[in-house]
Amino acid sequence: SILWLLASGYSIWMPRCYFPTFLGQNRPQFICLVVITTLVSTF
């Protein structure tokens, strides 16, 4: 639950300038990356 709380905060408030370069500044893609990473981390 702590992991998903952090992931939700990252998804909403992470400034676009800190996104990985390959994502550009696309927040929907960044959210997908966060969700996938969180799912993997959960397992």
PDB file of all heavy atoms in Angstrom:
ATOM      1  N   SER A   1       0.832  -1.210   0.000  1.00  0.00           N
ATOM      2  CA  SER A   1       0.000   0.000   0.000  1.00  0.00           C
ATOM      3  C   SER A   1       0.865   1.258   0.000  1.00  0.00           C
ATOM      4  O   SER A   1       0.529   2.257  -0.650  1.00  0.00           O
ATOM      5  CB  SER A   1      -0.957  -0.002   1.196  1.00  0.00           C
ATOM      6  OG  SER A   1      -0.258   0.022   2.430  1.00  0.00           O
ATOM      7  N   ILE A   2       1.989   1.231   0.713  1.00  0.00           N
ATOM      8  CA  ILE A   2       2.921   2.366   0.684  1.00  0.00           C
ATOM      9  C   ILE A   2       3.485   2.551  -0.720  1.00  0.00           C
ATOM     10  O   ILE A   2       3.608   3.672  -1.227  1.00  0.00           O
ATOM     11  CB  ILE A   2       4.061   2.160   1.697  1.00  0.00           C
ATOM     12  CG1 ILE A   2       3.519   2.149   3.122  1.00  0.00           C
ATOM     13  CG2 ILE A   2       5.123   3.255   1.550  1.00  0.00           C
ATOM     14  CD1 ILE A   2       4.537   1.744   4.174  1.00  0.00           C
ATOM     15  N   LEU A   3       3.843   1.441  -1.357  1.00  0.00           N
ATOM     16  CA  LEU A   3       4.375   1.480  -2.720  1.00  0.00           C
ATOM     17  C   LEU A   3       3.397   2.154  -3.674  1.00  0.00           C
ATOM     18  O   LEU A   3       3.770   3.031  -4.466  1.00  0.00           O
ATOM     19  CB  LEU A   3       4.687   0.057  -3.188  1.00  0.00           C
ATOM     20  CG  LEU A   3       5.176  -0.105  -4.631  1.00  0.00           C
ATOM     21  CD1 LEU A   3       6.514   0.580  -4.825  1.00  0.00           C
ATOM     22  CD2 LEU A   3       5.271  -1.587  -4.993  1.00  0.00           C
ATOM     23  N   TRP A   4       2.119   1.782  -3.592  1.00  0.00           N
ATOM     24  CA  TRP A   4       1.116   2.362  -4.486  1.00  0.00           C
ATOM     25  C   TRP A   4       0.788   3.805  -4.125  1.00  0.00           C
ATOM     26  O   TRP A   4       0.441   4.611  -5.000  1.00  0.00           O
ATOM     27  CB  TRP A   4      -0.138   1.495  -4.498  1.00  0.00           C
ATOM     28  CG  TRP A   4       0.057   0.274  -5.353  1.00  0.00           C
ATOM     29  CD1 TRP A   4       0.462  -0.965  -4.943  1.00  0.00           C
ATOM     30  CD2 TRP A   4      -0.091   0.192  -6.774  1.00  0.00           C
ATOM     31  NE1 TRP A   4       0.572  -1.818  -6.017  1.00  0.00           N
ATOM     32  CE2 TRP A   4       0.228  -1.146  -7.152  1.00  0.00           C
ATOM     33  CE3 TRP A   4      -0.477   1.098  -7.763  1.00  0.00           C
ATOM     34  CZ2 TRP A   4       0.178  -1.566  -8.479  1.00  0.00           C
ATOM     35  CZ3 TRP A   4      -0.525   0.674  -9.087  1.00  0.00           C
ATOM     36  CH2 TRP A   4      -0.207  -0.637  -9.433  1.00  0.00           C
ATOM     37  N   LEU A   5       0.913   4.165  -2.862  1.00  0.00           N
ATOM     38  CA  LEU A   5       0.749   5.569  -2.470  1.00  0.00           C
ATOM     39  C   LEU A   5       1.838   6.421  -3.112  1.00  0.00           C
ATOM     40  O   LEU A   5       1.559   7.489  -3.682  1.00  0.00           O
ATOM     41  CB  LEU A   5       0.806   5.701  -0.942  1.00  0.00           C
ATOM     42  CG  LEU A   5       0.816   7.133  -0.392  1.00  0.00           C
ATOM     43  CD1 LEU A   5      -0.473   7.869  -0.741  1.00  0.00           C
ATOM     44  CD2 LEU A   5       1.027   7.130   1.123  1.00  0.00           C
ATOM     45  N   LEU A   6       3.082   5.962  -3.043  1.00  0.00           N
ATOM     46  CA  LEU A   6       4.182   6.688  -3.678  1.00  0.00           C
ATOM     47  C   LEU A   6       3.982   6.769  -5.178  1.00  0.00           C
ATOM     48  O   LEU A   6       4.223   7.820  -5.797  1.00  0.00           O
ATOM     49  CB  LEU A   6       5.516   6.005  -3.346  1.00  0.00           C
ATOM     50  CG  LEU A   6       5.955   6.056  -1.882  1.00  0.00           C
ATOM     51  CD1 LEU A   6       7.177   5.172  -1.663  1.00  0.00           C
ATOM     52  CD2 LEU A   6       6.264   7.491  -1.461  1.00  0.00           C
ATOM     53  N   ALA A   7       3.539   5.664  -5.788  1.00  0.00           N
ATOM     54  CA  ALA A   7       3.315   5.640  -7.233  1.00  0.00           C
ATOM     55  C   ALA A   7       2.243   6.648  -7.645  1.00  0.00           C
ATOM     56  O   ALA A   7       2.370   7.324  -8.679  1.00  0.00           O
ATOM     57  CB  ALA A   7       2.916   4.232  -7.676  1.00  0.00           C
ATOM     58  N   SER A   8       1.194   6.765  -6.847  1.00  0.00           N
ATOM     59  CA  SER A   8       0.125   7.713  -7.168  1.00  0.00           C
ATOM     60  C   SER A   8       0.641   9.146  -7.101  1.00  0.00           C
ATOM     61  O   SER A   8       0.292   9.984  -7.942  1.00  0.00           O
ATOM     62  CB  SER A   8      -1.065   7.527  -6.232  1.00  0.00           C
ATOM     63  OG  SER A   8      -0.726   7.853  -4.889  1.00  0.00           O
ATOM     64  N   GLY A   9       1.476   9.434  -6.099  1.00  0.00           N
ATOM     65  CA  GLY A   9       2.066  10.766  -5.992  1.00  0.00           C
ATOM     66  C   GLY A   9       2.972  11.087  -7.173  1.00  0.00           C
ATOM     67  O   GLY A   9       2.933  12.189  -7.732  1.00  0.00           O
ATOM     68  N   TYR A  10       3.786  10.116  -7.581  1.00  0.00           N
ATOM     69  CA  TYR A  10       4.640  10.284  -8.749  1.00  0.00           C
ATOM     70  C   TYR A  10       3.796  10.586  -9.987  1.00  0.00           C
ATOM     71  O   TYR A  10       4.131  11.468 -10.789  1.00  0.00           O
ATOM     72  CB  TYR A  10       5.448   9.010  -9.002  1.00  0.00           C
ATOM     73  CG  TYR A  10       6.821   8.991  -8.364  1.00  0.00           C
ATOM     74  CD1 TYR A  10       6.974   8.709  -7.015  1.00  0.00           C
ATOM     75  CD2 TYR A  10       7.953   9.237  -9.113  1.00  0.00           C
ATOM     76  CE1 TYR A  10       8.225   8.678  -6.422  1.00  0.00           C
ATOM     77  CE2 TYR A  10       9.214   9.206  -8.545  1.00  0.00           C
ATOM     78  CZ  TYR A  10       9.344   8.926  -7.190  1.00  0.00           C
ATOM     79  OH  TYR A  10      10.592   8.903  -6.611  1.00  0.00           O
ATOM     80  N   SER A  11       2.717   9.830 -10.173  1.00  0.00           N
ATOM     81  CA  SER A  11       1.900   9.959 -11.380  1.00  0.00           C
ATOM     82  C   SER A  11       1.272  11.346 -11.498  1.00  0.00           C
ATOM     83  O   SER A  11       1.194  11.904 -12.597  1.00  0.00           O
ATOM     84  CB  SER A  11       0.802   8.893 -11.382  1.00  0.00           C
ATOM     85  OG  SER A  11       1.356   7.590 -11.392  1.00  0.00           O
ATOM     86  N   ILE A  12       0.831  11.888 -10.375  1.00  0.00           N
ATOM     87  CA  ILE A  12       0.122  13.175 -10.414  1.00  0.00           C
ATOM     88  C   ILE A  12       1.081  14.357 -10.448  1.00  0.00           C
ATOM     89  O   ILE A  12       0.897  15.292 -11.245  1.00  0.00           O
ATOM     90  CB  ILE A  12      -0.813  13.299  -9.192  1.00  0.00           C
ATOM     91  CG1 ILE A  12      -1.866  12.199  -9.203  1.00  0.00           C
ATOM     92  CG2 ILE A  12      -1.490  14.672  -9.168  1.00  0.00           C
ATOM     93  CD1 ILE A  12      -2.679  12.120  -7.920  1.00  0.00           C
ATOM     94  N   TRP A  13       2.107  14.329  -9.601  1.00  0.00           N
ATOM     95  CA  TRP A  13       2.869  15.554  -9.337  1.00  0.00           C
ATOM     96  C   TRP A  13       4.306  15.573  -9.849  1.00  0.00           C
ATOM     97  O   TRP A  13       4.968  16.611  -9.741  1.00  0.00           O
ATOM     98  CB  TRP A  13       2.878  15.829  -7.834  1.00  0.00           C
ATOM     99  CG  TRP A  13       1.528  16.209  -7.307  1.00  0.00           C
ATOM    100  CD1 TRP A  13       0.723  17.206  -7.762  1.00  0.00           C
ATOM    101  CD2 TRP A  13       0.824  15.595  -6.222  1.00  0.00           C
ATOM    102  NE1 TRP A  13      -0.438  17.255  -7.032  1.00  0.00           N
ATOM    103  CE2 TRP A  13      -0.409  16.282  -6.074  1.00  0.00           C
ATOM    104  CE3 TRP A  13       1.120  14.548  -5.344  1.00  0.00           C
ATOM    105  CZ2 TRP A  13      -1.340  15.946  -5.103  1.00  0.00           C
ATOM    106  CZ3 TRP A  13       0.175  14.214  -4.381  1.00  0.00           C
ATOM    107  CH2 TRP A  13      -1.031  14.901  -4.267  1.00  0.00           C
ATOM    108  N   MET A  14       4.805  14.485 -10.395  1.00  0.00           N
ATOM    109  CA  MET A  14       6.172  14.517 -10.897  1.00  0.00           C
ATOM    110  C   MET A  14       6.285  15.540 -12.028  1.00  0.00           C
ATOM    111  O   MET A  14       5.598  15.429 -13.042  1.00  0.00           O
ATOM    112  CB  MET A  14       6.580  13.139 -11.412  1.00  0.00           C
ATOM    113  CG  MET A  14       7.963  13.104 -12.053  1.00  0.00           C
ATOM    114  SD  MET A  14       9.279  13.414 -10.875  1.00  0.00           S
ATOM    115  CE  MET A  14       9.198  11.915  -9.898  1.00  0.00           C
ATOM    116  N   PRO A  15       7.133  16.569 -11.883  1.00  0.00           N
ATOM    117  CA  PRO A  15       7.290  17.549 -12.969  1.00  0.00           C
ATOM    118  C   PRO A  15       7.794  16.881 -14.251  1.00  0.00           C
ATOM    119  O   PRO A  15       8.631  15.984 -14.220  1.00  0.00           O
ATOM    120  CB  PRO A  15       8.334  18.522 -12.405  1.00  0.00           C
ATOM    121  CG  PRO A  15       8.203  18.386 -10.918  1.00  0.00           C
ATOM    122  CD  PRO A  15       7.891  16.941 -10.687  1.00  0.00           C
ATOM    123  N   ARG A  16       7.268  17.331 -15.391  1.00  0.00           N
ATOM    124  CA  ARG A  16       7.594  16.720 -16.668  1.00  0.00           C
ATOM    125  C   ARG A  16       9.087  16.792 -16.997  1.00  0.00           C
ATOM    126  O   ARG A  16       9.603  15.935 -17.725  1.00  0.00           O
ATOM    127  CB  ARG A  16       6.798  17.392 -17.787  1.00  0.00           C
ATOM    128  CG  ARG A  16       5.291  17.213 -17.665  1.00  0.00           C
ATOM    129  CD  ARG A  16       4.560  18.043 -18.710  1.00  0.00           C
ATOM    130  NE  ARG A  16       3.122  18.052 -18.455  1.00  0.00           N
ATOM    131  CZ  ARG A  16       2.261  17.233 -19.050  1.00  0.00           C
ATOM    132  NH1 ARG A  16       2.687  16.352 -19.921  1.00  0.00           N
ATOM    133  NH2 ARG A  16       0.971  17.299 -18.774  1.00  0.00           N
ATOM    134  N   CYS A  17       9.762  17.798 -16.455  1.00  0.00           N
ATOM    135  CA  CYS A  17      11.189  17.958 -16.766  1.00  0.00           C
ATOM    136  C   CYS A  17      12.041  16.836 -16.174  1.00  0.00           C
ATOM    137  O   CYS A  17      13.200  16.666 -16.559  1.00  0.00           O
ATOM    138  CB  CYS A  17      11.699  19.311 -16.283  1.00  0.00           C
ATOM    139  SG  CYS A  17      11.504  19.608 -14.508  1.00  0.00           S
ATOM    140  N   TYR A  18      11.458  16.046 -15.261  1.00  0.00           N
ATOM    141  CA  TYR A  18      12.187  14.923 -14.663  1.00  0.00           C
ATOM    142  C   TYR A  18      11.781  13.575 -15.269  1.00  0.00           C
ATOM    143  O   TYR A  18      12.248  12.537 -14.828  1.00  0.00           O
ATOM    144  CB  TYR A  18      11.964  14.886 -13.151  1.00  0.00           C
ATOM    145  CG  TYR A  18      12.448  16.124 -12.441  1.00  0.00           C
ATOM    146  CD1 TYR A  18      11.532  17.077 -11.967  1.00  0.00           C
ATOM    147  CD2 TYR A  18      13.809  16.376 -12.260  1.00  0.00           C
ATOM    148  CE1 TYR A  18      11.961  18.225 -11.329  1.00  0.00           C
ATOM    149  CE2 TYR A  18      14.240  17.520 -11.622  1.00  0.00           C
ATOM    150  CZ  TYR A  18      13.310  18.439 -11.161  1.00  0.00           C
ATOM    151  OH  TYR A  18      13.747  19.587 -10.533  1.00  0.00           O
ATOM    152  N   PHE A  19      10.897  13.612 -16.271  1.00  0.00           N
ATOM    153  CA  PHE A  19      10.507  12.366 -16.930  1.00  0.00           C
ATOM    154  C   PHE A  19      11.712  11.762 -17.652  1.00  0.00           C
ATOM    155  O   PHE A  19      12.602  12.503 -18.103  1.00  0.00           O
ATOM    156  CB  PHE A  19       9.403  12.617 -17.962  1.00  0.00           C
ATOM    157  CG  PHE A  19       8.045  12.905 -17.387  1.00  0.00           C
ATOM    158  CD1 PHE A  19       7.843  13.056 -16.013  1.00  0.00           C
ATOM    159  CD2 PHE A  19       6.941  13.030 -18.214  1.00  0.00           C
ATOM    160  CE1 PHE A  19       6.597  13.328 -15.491  1.00  0.00           C
ATOM    161  CE2 PHE A  19       5.683  13.305 -17.711  1.00  0.00           C
ATOM    162  CZ  PHE A  19       5.506  13.460 -16.348  1.00  0.00           C
ATOM    163  N   PRO A  20      11.758  10.440 -17.801  1.00  0.00           N
ATOM    164  CA  PRO A  20      12.813   9.826 -18.624  1.00  0.00           C
ATOM    165  C   PRO A  20      12.798  10.410 -20.039  1.00  0.00           C
ATOM    166  O   PRO A  20      11.735  10.703 -20.591  1.00  0.00           O
ATOM    167  CB  PRO A  20      12.423   8.345 -18.634  1.00  0.00           C
ATOM    168  CG  PRO A  20      11.616   8.148 -17.395  1.00  0.00           C
ATOM    169  CD  PRO A  20      10.878   9.432 -17.183  1.00  0.00           C
ATOM    170  N   THR A  21      13.975  10.573 -20.613  1.00  0.00           N
ATOM    171  CA  THR A  21      14.108  11.236 -21.906  1.00  0.00           C
ATOM    172  C   THR A  21      13.278  10.581 -22.994  1.00  0.00           C
ATOM    173  O   THR A  21      12.660  11.265 -23.825  1.00  0.00           O
ATOM    174  CB  THR A  21      15.589  11.250 -22.335  1.00  0.00           C
ATOM    175  OG1 THR A  21      16.376  11.820 -21.288  1.00  0.00           O
ATOM    176  CG2 THR A  21      15.776  12.078 -23.605  1.00  0.00           C
ATOM    177  N   PHE A  22      13.209   9.242 -22.994  1.00  0.00           N
ATOM    178  CA  PHE A  22      12.511   8.542 -24.070  1.00  0.00           C
ATOM    179  C   PHE A  22      11.001   8.763 -24.039  1.00  0.00           C
ATOM    180  O   PHE A  22      10.302   8.460 -25.008  1.00  0.00           O
ATOM    181  CB  PHE A  22      12.819   7.038 -24.037  1.00  0.00           C
ATOM    182  CG  PHE A  22      12.304   6.318 -22.820  1.00  0.00           C
ATOM    183  CD1 PHE A  22      11.023   5.778 -22.791  1.00  0.00           C
ATOM    184  CD2 PHE A  22      13.113   6.171 -21.695  1.00  0.00           C
ATOM    185  CE1 PHE A  22      10.548   5.122 -21.670  1.00  0.00           C
ATOM    186  CE2 PHE A  22      12.641   5.504 -20.571  1.00  0.00           C
ATOM    187  CZ  PHE A  22      11.358   4.976 -20.553  1.00  0.00           C
ATOM    188  N   LEU A  23      10.491   9.330 -22.937  1.00  0.00           N
ATOM    189  CA  LEU A  23       9.060   9.624 -22.854  1.00  0.00           C
ATOM    190  C   LEU A  23       8.742  11.038 -23.321  1.00  0.00           C
ATOM    191  O   LEU A  23       7.567  11.383 -23.465  1.00  0.00           O
ATOM    192  CB  LEU A  23       8.552   9.456 -21.413  1.00  0.00           C
ATOM    193  CG  LEU A  23       8.541   8.046 -20.837  1.00  0.00           C
ATOM    194  CD1 LEU A  23       8.041   8.081 -19.406  1.00  0.00           C
ATOM    195  CD2 LEU A  23       7.682   7.108 -21.675  1.00  0.00           C
ATOM    196  N   GLY A  24       9.776  11.846 -23.532  1.00  0.00           N
ATOM    197  CA  GLY A  24       9.519  13.246 -23.798  1.00  0.00           C
ATOM    198  C   GLY A  24       8.913  13.873 -22.558  1.00  0.00           C
ATOM    199  O   GLY A  24       9.428  13.731 -21.460  1.00  0.00           O
ATOM    200  N   GLN A  25       7.777  14.548 -22.733  1.00  0.00           N
ATOM    201  CA  GLN A  25       7.057  15.103 -21.578  1.00  0.00           C
ATOM    202  C   GLN A  25       5.612  14.627 -21.592  1.00  0.00           C
ATOM    203  O   GLN A  25       4.693  15.362 -21.213  1.00  0.00           O
ATOM    204  CB  GLN A  25       7.145  16.629 -21.591  1.00  0.00           C
ATOM    205  CG  GLN A  25       8.564  17.136 -21.367  1.00  0.00           C
ATOM    206  CD  GLN A  25       8.617  18.630 -21.088  1.00  0.00           C
ATOM    207  OE1 GLN A  25       7.634  19.353 -21.249  1.00  0.00           O
ATOM    208  NE2 GLN A  25       9.772  19.099 -20.671  1.00  0.00           N
ATOM    209  N   ASN A  26       5.439  13.388 -21.996  1.00  0.00           N
ATOM    210  CA  ASN A  26       4.105  12.799 -22.128  1.00  0.00           C
ATOM    211  C   ASN A  26       3.677  12.168 -20.802  1.00  0.00           C
ATOM    212  O   ASN A  26       4.168  11.108 -20.425  1.00  0.00           O
ATOM    213  CB  ASN A  26       4.124  11.748 -23.247  1.00  0.00           C
ATOM    214  CG  ASN A  26       2.731  11.256 -23.600  1.00  0.00           C
ATOM    215  OD1 ASN A  26       1.962  10.863 -22.740  1.00  0.00           O
ATOM    216  ND2 ASN A  26       2.406  11.284 -24.888  1.00  0.00           N
ATOM    217  N   ARG A  27       2.758  12.827 -20.098  1.00  0.00           N
ATOM    218  CA  ARG A  27       2.357  12.322 -18.784  1.00  0.00           C
ATOM    219  C   ARG A  27       1.590  11.003 -18.855  1.00  0.00           C
ATOM    220  O   ARG A  27       1.837  10.117 -18.028  1.00  0.00           O
ATOM    221  CB  ARG A  27       1.555  13.371 -18.003  1.00  0.00           C
ATOM    222  CG  ARG A  27       1.265  12.945 -16.554  1.00  0.00           C
ATOM    223  CD  ARG A  27       0.689  14.064 -15.717  1.00  0.00           C
ATOM    224  NE  ARG A  27       1.622  15.153 -15.518  1.00  0.00           N
ATOM    225  CZ  ARG A  27       2.562  15.165 -14.567  1.00  0.00           C
ATOM    226  NH1 ARG A  27       2.708  14.136 -13.747  1.00  0.00           N
ATOM    227  NH2 ARG A  27       3.364  16.208 -14.451  1.00  0.00           N
ATOM    228  N   PRO A  28       0.650  10.820 -19.793  1.00  0.00           N
ATOM    229  CA  PRO A  28      -0.025   9.515 -19.855  1.00  0.00           C
ATOM    230  C   PRO A  28       0.957   8.355 -20.020  1.00  0.00           C
ATOM    231  O   PRO A  28       0.789   7.300 -19.397  1.00  0.00           O
ATOM    232  CB  PRO A  28      -0.947   9.654 -21.072  1.00  0.00           C
ATOM    233  CG  PRO A  28      -1.252  11.112 -21.139  1.00  0.00           C
ATOM    234  CD  PRO A  28       0.024  11.786 -20.727  1.00  0.00           C
ATOM    235  N   GLN A  29       1.985   8.527 -20.847  1.00  0.00           N
ATOM    236  CA  GLN A  29       2.985   7.478 -21.008  1.00  0.00           C
ATOM    237  C   GLN A  29       3.793   7.292 -19.726  1.00  0.00           C
ATOM    238  O   GLN A  29       4.157   6.166 -19.365  1.00  0.00           O
ATOM    239  CB  GLN A  29       3.913   7.789 -22.178  1.00  0.00           C
ATOM    240  CG  GLN A  29       3.257   7.675 -23.541  1.00  0.00           C
ATOM    241  CD  GLN A  29       4.228   7.876 -24.685  1.00  0.00           C
ATOM    242  OE1 GLN A  29       5.446   7.925 -24.485  1.00  0.00           O
ATOM    243  NE2 GLN A  29       3.701   8.007 -25.902  1.00  0.00           N
ATOM    244  N   PHE A  30       4.069   8.404 -19.046  1.00  0.00           N
ATOM    245  CA  PHE A  30       4.793   8.323 -17.779  1.00  0.00           C
ATOM    246  C   PHE A  30       3.972   7.564 -16.744  1.00  0.00           C
ATOM    247  O   PHE A  30       4.504   6.725 -15.998  1.00  0.00           O
ATOM    248  CB  PHE A  30       5.121   9.726 -17.267  1.00  0.00           C
ATOM    249  CG  PHE A  30       5.774   9.744 -15.908  1.00  0.00           C
ATOM    250  CD1 PHE A  30       7.073   9.313 -15.734  1.00  0.00           C
ATOM    251  CD2 PHE A  30       5.057  10.175 -14.791  1.00  0.00           C
ATOM    252  CE1 PHE A  30       7.670   9.314 -14.473  1.00  0.00           C
ATOM    253  CE2 PHE A  30       5.642  10.183 -13.536  1.00  0.00           C
ATOM    254  CZ  PHE A  30       6.957   9.758 -13.383  1.00  0.00           C
ATOM    255  N   ILE A  31       2.668   7.829 -16.695  1.00  0.00           N
ATOM    256  CA  ILE A  31       1.793   7.121 -15.757  1.00  0.00           C
ATOM    257  C   ILE A  31       1.796   5.626 -16.061  1.00  0.00           C
ATOM    258  O   ILE A  31       1.845   4.793 -15.143  1.00  0.00           O
ATOM    259  CB  ILE A  31       0.367   7.698 -15.807  1.00  0.00           C
ATOM    260  CG1 ILE A  31       0.348   9.136 -15.247  1.00  0.00           C
ATOM    261  CG2 ILE A  31      -0.608   6.827 -15.016  1.00  0.00           C
ATOM    262  CD1 ILE A  31      -0.977   9.842 -15.395  1.00  0.00           C
ATOM    263  N   CYS A  32       1.755   5.271 -17.349  1.00  0.00           N
ATOM    264  CA  CYS A  32       1.812   3.852 -17.733  1.00  0.00           C
ATOM    265  C   CYS A  32       3.115   3.221 -17.249  1.00  0.00           C
ATOM    266  O   CYS A  32       3.117   2.086 -16.739  1.00  0.00           O
ATOM    267  CB  CYS A  32       1.692   3.706 -19.249  1.00  0.00           C
ATOM    268  SG  CYS A  32       0.038   4.025 -19.897  1.00  0.00           S
ATOM    269  N   LEU A  33       4.223   3.940 -17.395  1.00  0.00           N
ATOM    270  CA  LEU A  33       5.513   3.436 -16.927  1.00  0.00           C
ATOM    271  C   LEU A  33       5.510   3.239 -15.421  1.00  0.00           C
ATOM    272  O   LEU A  33       6.001   2.214 -14.906  1.00  0.00           O
ATOM    273  CB  LEU A  33       6.629   4.406 -17.331  1.00  0.00           C
ATOM    274  CG  LEU A  33       8.046   4.047 -16.852  1.00  0.00           C
ATOM    275  CD1 LEU A  33       8.510   2.730 -17.466  1.00  0.00           C
ATOM    276  CD2 LEU A  33       9.031   5.178 -17.196  1.00  0.00           C
ATOM    277  N   VAL A  34       4.942   4.199 -14.678  1.00  0.00           N
ATOM    278  CA  VAL A  34       4.869   4.104 -13.222  1.00  0.00           C
ATOM    279  C   VAL A  34       4.017   2.902 -12.808  1.00  0.00           C
ATOM    280  O   VAL A  34       4.389   2.141 -11.905  1.00  0.00           O
ATOM    281  CB  VAL A  34       4.296   5.402 -12.613  1.00  0.00           C
ATOM    282  CG1 VAL A  34       3.990   5.215 -11.130  1.00  0.00           C
ATOM    283  CG2 VAL A  34       5.272   6.553 -12.802  1.00  0.00           C
ATOM    284  N   VAL A  35       2.879   2.712 -13.468  1.00  0.00           N
ATOM    285  CA  VAL A  35       1.985   1.601 -13.130  1.00  0.00           C
ATOM    286  C   VAL A  35       2.673   0.267 -13.399  1.00  0.00           C
ATOM    287  O   VAL A  35       2.621  -0.655 -12.561  1.00  0.00           O
ATOM    288  CB  VAL A  35       0.670   1.699 -13.924  1.00  0.00           C
ATOM    289  CG1 VAL A  35      -0.152   0.424 -13.761  1.00  0.00           C
ATOM    290  CG2 VAL A  35      -0.139   2.905 -13.468  1.00  0.00           C
ATOM    291  N   ILE A  36       3.341   0.147 -14.549  1.00  0.00           N
ATOM    292  CA  ILE A  36       4.034  -1.103 -14.886  1.00  0.00           C
ATOM    293  C   ILE A  36       5.146  -1.380 -13.879  1.00  0.00           C
ATOM    294  O   ILE A  36       5.292  -2.500 -13.373  1.00  0.00           O
ATOM    295  CB  ILE A  36       4.608  -1.036 -16.317  1.00  0.00           C
ATOM    296  CG1 ILE A  36       3.464  -1.036 -17.343  1.00  0.00           C
ATOM    297  CG2 ILE A  36       5.547  -2.222 -16.582  1.00  0.00           C
ATOM    298  CD1 ILE A  36       3.916  -0.730 -18.754  1.00  0.00           C
ATOM    299  N   THR A  37       5.933  -0.351 -13.573  1.00  0.00           N
ATOM    300  CA  THR A  37       7.021  -0.503 -12.604  1.00  0.00           C
ATOM    301  C   THR A  37       6.490  -0.904 -11.232  1.00  0.00           C
ATOM    302  O   THR A  37       7.064  -1.758 -10.542  1.00  0.00           O
ATOM    303  CB  THR A  37       7.820   0.812 -12.483  1.00  0.00           C
ATOM    304  OG1 THR A  37       8.316   1.195 -13.771  1.00  0.00           O
ATOM    305  CG2 THR A  37       8.996   0.647 -11.526  1.00  0.00           C
ATOM    306  N   THR A  38       5.365  -0.307 -10.833  1.00  0.00           N
ATOM    307  CA  THR A  38       4.776  -0.610  -9.531  1.00  0.00           C
ATOM    308  C   THR A  38       4.215  -2.028  -9.497  1.00  0.00           C
ATOM    309  O   THR A  38       4.337  -2.723  -8.478  1.00  0.00           O
ATOM    310  CB  THR A  38       3.674   0.415  -9.197  1.00  0.00           C
ATOM    311  OG1 THR A  38       4.192   1.737  -9.331  1.00  0.00           O
ATOM    312  CG2 THR A  38       3.179   0.230  -7.776  1.00  0.00           C
ATOM    313  N   LEU A  39       3.608  -2.462 -10.590  1.00  0.00           N
ATOM    314  CA  LEU A  39       3.109  -3.836 -10.664  1.00  0.00           C
ATOM    315  C   LEU A  39       4.245  -4.846 -10.541  1.00  0.00           C
ATOM    316  O   LEU A  39       4.149  -5.822  -9.782  1.00  0.00           O
ATOM    317  CB  LEU A  39       2.358  -4.059 -11.981  1.00  0.00           C
ATOM    318  CG  LEU A  39       0.943  -3.482 -12.073  1.00  0.00           C
ATOM    319  CD1 LEU A  39       0.427  -3.573 -13.505  1.00  0.00           C
ATOM    320  CD2 LEU A  39       0.004  -4.198 -11.119  1.00  0.00           C
ATOM    321  N   VAL A  40       5.337  -4.595 -11.268  1.00  0.00           N
ATOM    322  CA  VAL A  40       6.503  -5.484 -11.196  1.00  0.00           C
ATOM    323  C   VAL A  40       7.064  -5.494  -9.779  1.00  0.00           C
ATOM    324  O   VAL A  40       7.387  -6.556  -9.219  1.00  0.00           O
ATOM    325  CB  VAL A  40       7.572  -5.061 -12.209  1.00  0.00           C
ATOM    326  CG1 VAL A  40       8.872  -5.854 -12.002  1.00  0.00           C
ATOM    327  CG2 VAL A  40       7.072  -5.245 -13.637  1.00  0.00           C
ATOM    328  N   SER A  41       7.177  -4.302  -9.180  1.00  0.00           N
ATOM    329  CA  SER A  41       7.706  -4.192  -7.815  1.00  0.00           C
ATOM    330  C   SER A  41       6.800  -4.898  -6.814  1.00  0.00           C
ATOM    331  O   SER A  41       7.276  -5.479  -5.834  1.00  0.00           O
ATOM    332  CB  SER A  41       7.863  -2.720  -7.427  1.00  0.00           C
ATOM    333  OG  SER A  41       8.743  -2.049  -8.305  1.00  0.00           O
ATOM    334  N   THR A  42       5.489  -4.848  -7.059  1.00  0.00           N
ATOM    335  CA  THR A  42       4.541  -5.533  -6.186  1.00  0.00           C
ATOM    336  C   THR A  42       4.801  -7.036  -6.175  1.00  0.00           C
ATOM    337  O   THR A  42       4.841  -7.669  -5.109  1.00  0.00           O
ATOM    338  CB  THR A  42       3.093  -5.258  -6.638  1.00  0.00           C
ATOM    339  OG1 THR A  42       2.830  -3.851  -6.544  1.00  0.00           O
ATOM    340  CG2 THR A  42       2.101  -6.024  -5.771  1.00  0.00           C
ATOM    341  N   PHE A  43       5.006  -7.616  -7.354  1.00  0.00           N
ATOM    342  CA  PHE A  43       5.287  -9.056  -7.424  1.00  0.00           C
ATOM    343  C   PHE A  43       6.664  -9.376  -6.833  1.00  0.00           C
ATOM    344  O   PHE A  43       6.833 -10.396  -6.156  1.00  0.00           O
ATOM    345  CB  PHE A  43       5.201  -9.534  -8.867  1.00  0.00           C
ATOM    346  CG  PHE A  43       3.798  -9.613  -9.394  1.00  0.00           C
ATOM    347  CD1 PHE A  43       3.357  -8.736 -10.377  1.00  0.00           C
ATOM    348  CD2 PHE A  43       2.900 -10.542  -8.894  1.00  0.00           C
ATOM    349  CE1 PHE A  43       2.055  -8.796 -10.858  1.00  0.00           C
ATOM    350  CE2 PHE A  43       1.589 -10.619  -9.370  1.00  0.00           C
ATOM    351  CZ  PHE A  43       1.165  -9.732 -10.354  1.00  0.00           C
TER     352      PHE A  43
END
